[in-house]
Protein backbone atom coordinates (compact mmCIF):
# COMPACT_ATOMS: atom_id res chain seq x y z
CA MET A 1 0.15 0.01 -0.09
CA VAL A 2 1.23 3.51 -0.90
CA THR A 3 -0.42 6.37 0.98
CA GLY A 4 -0.33 9.98 1.89
CA ARG A 5 -1.76 8.91 5.55
CA GLU A 6 -0.11 9.29 8.78
CA LEU A 7 1.00 5.49 9.71
CA ASP A 8 -0.56 5.79 13.38
CA GLU A 9 -3.77 7.36 11.75
CA LEU A 10 -3.91 4.54 9.22
CA LEU A 11 -3.42 1.61 11.88
CA ALA A 12 -6.17 3.24 13.95
CA VAL A 13 -8.68 3.21 11.19
CA PHE A 14 -7.74 0.39 9.00
CA GLU A 15 -8.04 -3.20 10.22
CA GLY A 16 -6.50 -4.78 7.10
CA CYS A 17 -2.89 -3.44 7.37
CA ASN A 18 -1.62 -6.86 8.00
CA LEU A 19 -2.82 -7.89 4.54
CA PHE A 20 0.06 -5.90 3.01
CA ASP A 21 3.74 -6.93 2.90
CA ARG A 22 4.66 -3.25 3.27
CA ILE A 23 3.11 0.03 3.47
CA VAL A 24 4.84 3.40 2.10
CA ALA A 25 3.08 5.81 4.45
CA GLU A 26 2.97 9.67 4.66
CA ASN A 27 3.31 10.14 0.83
CA GLY A 28 6.76 8.44 0.70
CA ALA A 29 8.45 9.45 4.04
CA LEU A 30 7.89 6.16 5.92
CA LEU A 31 8.25 2.39 5.16
CA TYR A 32 6.24 -0.01 7.34
CA ASP A 33 6.60 -3.72 7.78
CA PRO A 34 3.16 -4.99 9.08
CA ALA A 35 4.33 -8.52 9.84
CA ALA A 36 7.30 -7.28 12.01
CA SER A 37 5.48 -4.08 13.01
CA LYS A 38 8.44 -2.20 12.01
CA SER A 39 8.83 1.11 10.28
CA ARG A 40 11.81 2.81 8.85
CA ALA A 41 12.01 6.76 8.33
CA LEU A 42 12.64 7.49 4.74
CA ALA A 43 12.88 11.13 5.53
CA PRO A 44 13.77 13.60 8.24
CA PRO A 45 11.23 14.69 10.86
CA PRO A 46 9.38 18.23 10.23
CA PRO A 47 11.44 21.13 11.60
CA PRO A 48 10.26 22.44 15.03
CA GLN A 49 10.42 25.88 13.83
CA LEU A 50 8.03 25.11 11.06
CA ILE A 51 5.52 23.76 13.31
CA ASP A 52 5.88 26.68 15.62
CA VAL A 53 5.47 29.12 13.12
CA LEU A 54 2.14 27.33 11.47
CA ARG A 55 0.57 26.85 14.97
CA LYS A 56 1.48 30.51 15.85
CA LYS A 57 -0.22 31.53 12.41
CA GLY A 58 -3.36 29.34 13.43
CA VAL A 59 -2.79 26.92 10.75
CA PRO A 60 -4.40 23.65 11.57
CA ILE A 61 -1.81 20.94 11.16
CA SER A 62 -1.45 17.39 12.04
CA VAL A 63 2.25 16.19 12.59
CA GLY A 64 3.30 12.93 11.59
CA ARG A 65 7.03 11.29 11.71
CA SER A 66 7.96 13.38 8.68
CA ILE A 67 5.00 14.69 7.17
CA LEU A 68 3.12 17.86 8.12
CA ALA A 69 -0.62 18.00 6.78
CA THR A 70 -3.17 20.90 6.51
CA VAL A 71 -5.94 21.56 4.13
CA GLU A 72 -6.68 24.20 1.48
CA PRO A 73 -6.33 27.29 1.58
CA HIS A 74 -3.50 27.05 4.38
CA GLU A 75 -0.95 26.29 1.50
CA HIS A 76 -0.28 29.81 1.30
CA ALA A 77 0.66 30.23 5.06
CA VAL A 78 2.76 27.14 4.66
CA LEU A 79 4.54 28.18 1.61
CA ASP A 80 5.45 31.64 3.22
CA ALA A 81 6.55 29.93 6.52
CA ILE A 82 9.00 27.71 4.29
CA ARG A 83 10.20 30.67 2.46
CA ASP A 84 10.85 32.91 5.40
CA LEU A 85 12.71 30.08 7.22
CA GLY A 86 14.61 29.22 4.23
CA LEU A 87 13.85 25.41 4.26
CA GLU A 88 14.01 22.86 1.42
CA TRP A 89 10.57 21.51 1.86
CA HIS A 90 7.70 21.33 -0.80
CA VAL A 91 4.02 21.33 -0.75
CA ILE A 92 2.00 18.41 -2.22
CA PHE A 93 -1.80 18.34 -2.87
CA ASN A 94 -4.28 15.51 -2.66
CA LYS A 95 -7.45 17.18 -3.73
CA GLY A 96 -8.47 19.18 -0.78
CA SER A 97 -5.50 18.17 1.55
CA VAL A 98 -2.14 19.76 1.62
CA MET A 99 0.85 17.63 2.57
CA VAL A 100 4.19 19.37 3.45
CA LEU A 101 7.67 17.16 3.11
CA PRO A 102 11.23 17.48 2.54
CA ALA A 103 12.11 18.18 -1.06
CA GLY A 104 12.27 15.02 -3.28
CA ILE A 105 9.91 12.84 -1.14
CA THR A 106 7.07 11.58 -3.06
CA LYS A 107 5.20 8.17 -3.31
CA ALA A 108 7.59 7.24 -5.76
CA THR A 109 10.76 7.66 -3.74
CA GLY A 110 8.98 5.52 -0.98
CA LEU A 111 7.83 2.77 -3.48
CA VAL A 112 11.63 2.09 -4.49
CA PRO A 113 12.97 0.92 -1.16
CA ALA A 114 9.60 -0.99 -0.55
CA MET A 115 10.01 -2.95 -3.90
CA GLU A 116 13.78 -3.64 -3.12
CA GLU A 117 12.86 -5.03 0.42
CA LEU A 118 10.51 -7.35 -1.35
CA GLY A 119 12.64 -8.26 -4.46
CA ILE A 120 9.85 -6.98 -6.81
CA PRO A 121 10.91 -5.02 -10.15
CA LEU A 122 9.07 -1.76 -10.58
CA SER A 123 7.88 -3.01 -14.03
CA GLN A 124 5.82 -5.62 -11.92
CA THR A 125 3.92 -3.13 -10.08
CA ILE A 126 0.51 -1.57 -10.67
CA ALA A 127 -0.11 1.75 -9.19
CA VAL A 128 -3.65 3.08 -8.51
CA GLY A 129 -4.15 6.87 -7.97
CA ASP A 130 -6.71 9.65 -8.01
CA ALA A 131 -4.96 12.78 -6.94
CA GLU A 132 -2.03 15.15 -7.56
CA ASN A 133 0.29 13.34 -5.02
CA ASP A 134 -0.19 10.00 -7.20
CA HIS A 135 1.66 11.49 -10.44
CA ALA A 136 5.06 10.17 -9.40
CA PHE A 137 4.49 6.76 -8.25
CA MET A 138 1.88 5.98 -11.16
CA ARG A 139 4.71 7.14 -13.64
CA LEU A 140 7.31 4.85 -11.91
CA SER A 141 4.93 1.75 -11.86
CA GLY A 142 4.67 -0.86 -14.72
CA VAL A 143 0.99 -0.01 -15.04
CA ALA A 144 -0.63 3.06 -14.06
CA VAL A 145 -4.40 2.85 -13.17
CA ALA A 146 -6.74 6.08 -12.50
CA VAL A 147 -10.19 5.27 -10.84
CA ALA A 148 -13.04 6.81 -12.34
CA ASN A 149 -13.16 9.69 -9.62
CA ALA A 150 -9.48 10.63 -10.34
CA LEU A 151 -8.58 14.14 -11.35
CA PRO A 152 -8.31 14.57 -15.33
CA SER A 153 -4.50 15.15 -14.94
CA VAL A 154 -4.12 11.79 -13.35
CA LYS A 155 -6.27 9.90 -15.67
CA ALA A 156 -4.08 11.55 -18.42
CA ASP A 157 -1.18 9.66 -16.80
CA ALA A 158 -2.95 6.32 -16.66
CA ASP A 159 -2.82 3.30 -18.81
CA LEU A 160 -6.01 2.40 -17.92
CA THR A 161 -9.04 4.38 -16.20
CA THR A 162 -11.62 2.33 -14.20
CA LEU A 163 -15.46 2.59 -14.68
CA GLY A 164 -15.89 2.57 -10.96
CA ALA A 165 -14.90 5.15 -8.53
CA ARG A 166 -12.86 5.07 -5.32
CA GLY A 167 -12.88 1.54 -3.67
CA ASP A 168 -15.17 0.07 -6.45
CA GLY A 169 -12.63 1.15 -9.20
CA VAL A 170 -9.89 -0.94 -6.97
CA ALA A 171 -12.21 -3.75 -6.87
CA GLU A 172 -12.86 -3.75 -10.43
CA LEU A 173 -9.17 -3.52 -11.13
CA ILE A 174 -8.62 -6.75 -8.99
CA ASP A 175 -11.17 -8.56 -10.74
CA ARG A 176 -9.50 -7.78 -14.23
CA ILE A 177 -6.21 -8.87 -12.85
CA ILE A 178 -7.54 -12.28 -11.76
CA ALA A 179 -9.60 -12.71 -15.01
CA ASP A 180 -6.71 -11.89 -17.48
CA ASP A 181 -3.73 -10.09 -15.76
CA LEU A 182 -4.55 -7.08 -17.50
CA ALA A 183 -3.68 -8.69 -20.89
CA ASP A 184 -5.27 -5.92 -23.16
CA VAL A 185 -3.58 -3.05 -21.15
CA VAL A 186 -0.29 -1.80 -23.00
CA PRO A 187 1.66 0.32 -20.53
CA ARG A 188 2.85 3.70 -22.12
CA ALA A 189 6.60 2.49 -21.84
CA ASP A 190 8.13 5.69 -22.82
CA VAL A 191 6.43 7.43 -19.71
CA HIS A 192 7.55 4.70 -17.30
CA ARG A 193 11.15 4.27 -18.76
CA GLU A 194 11.54 8.06 -18.24
CA ALA A 195 10.44 7.98 -14.63
CA GLN A 196 12.43 5.05 -13.83
CA GLY A 197 15.62 6.70 -14.94
CA THR A 198 15.05 9.71 -12.75
CA ILE A 199 14.18 7.77 -9.35
CA GLY A 200 16.19 5.34 -7.27
């Protein structure tokens, strides 16, 4: 699983974490092994001065192990604070959510070590996404899938768009994988090769 959620929140709300061999959480900043209940930071923690400034400005934030999260329209205050503090952090959107991470940290950079630990080539992965923060790991994966409720830009990056939205789209994809291993889907190899050459 590759998610923008904070790990502790995910473990609290989702009982199926043990179904996964690895979970990439915090939009690529944290790698978790459910079987061993062990996590590994893939990025540094949020700078305390950034947390302090945002709280003083009244920005509602959630603080993860590496990620800071808020909602629109607070990205303006976040960007101002990053600039004023001279930090090399960036803002990533997930529809109405705003995630703040060290520069260069994405779902794709988190996917690479997860696949290395499992011994699975990136060409054998299927990424499913719906929002801005999914572009990088969709481009890195062997097959990129957008669910029906995905943003138009995400659908444009996809090799396949499901008829169903959200979880229904994922269930539809699983049925297709079981039925014929996506035999009729031809990945846009040029996009994926380009991404694999720039990450990892």
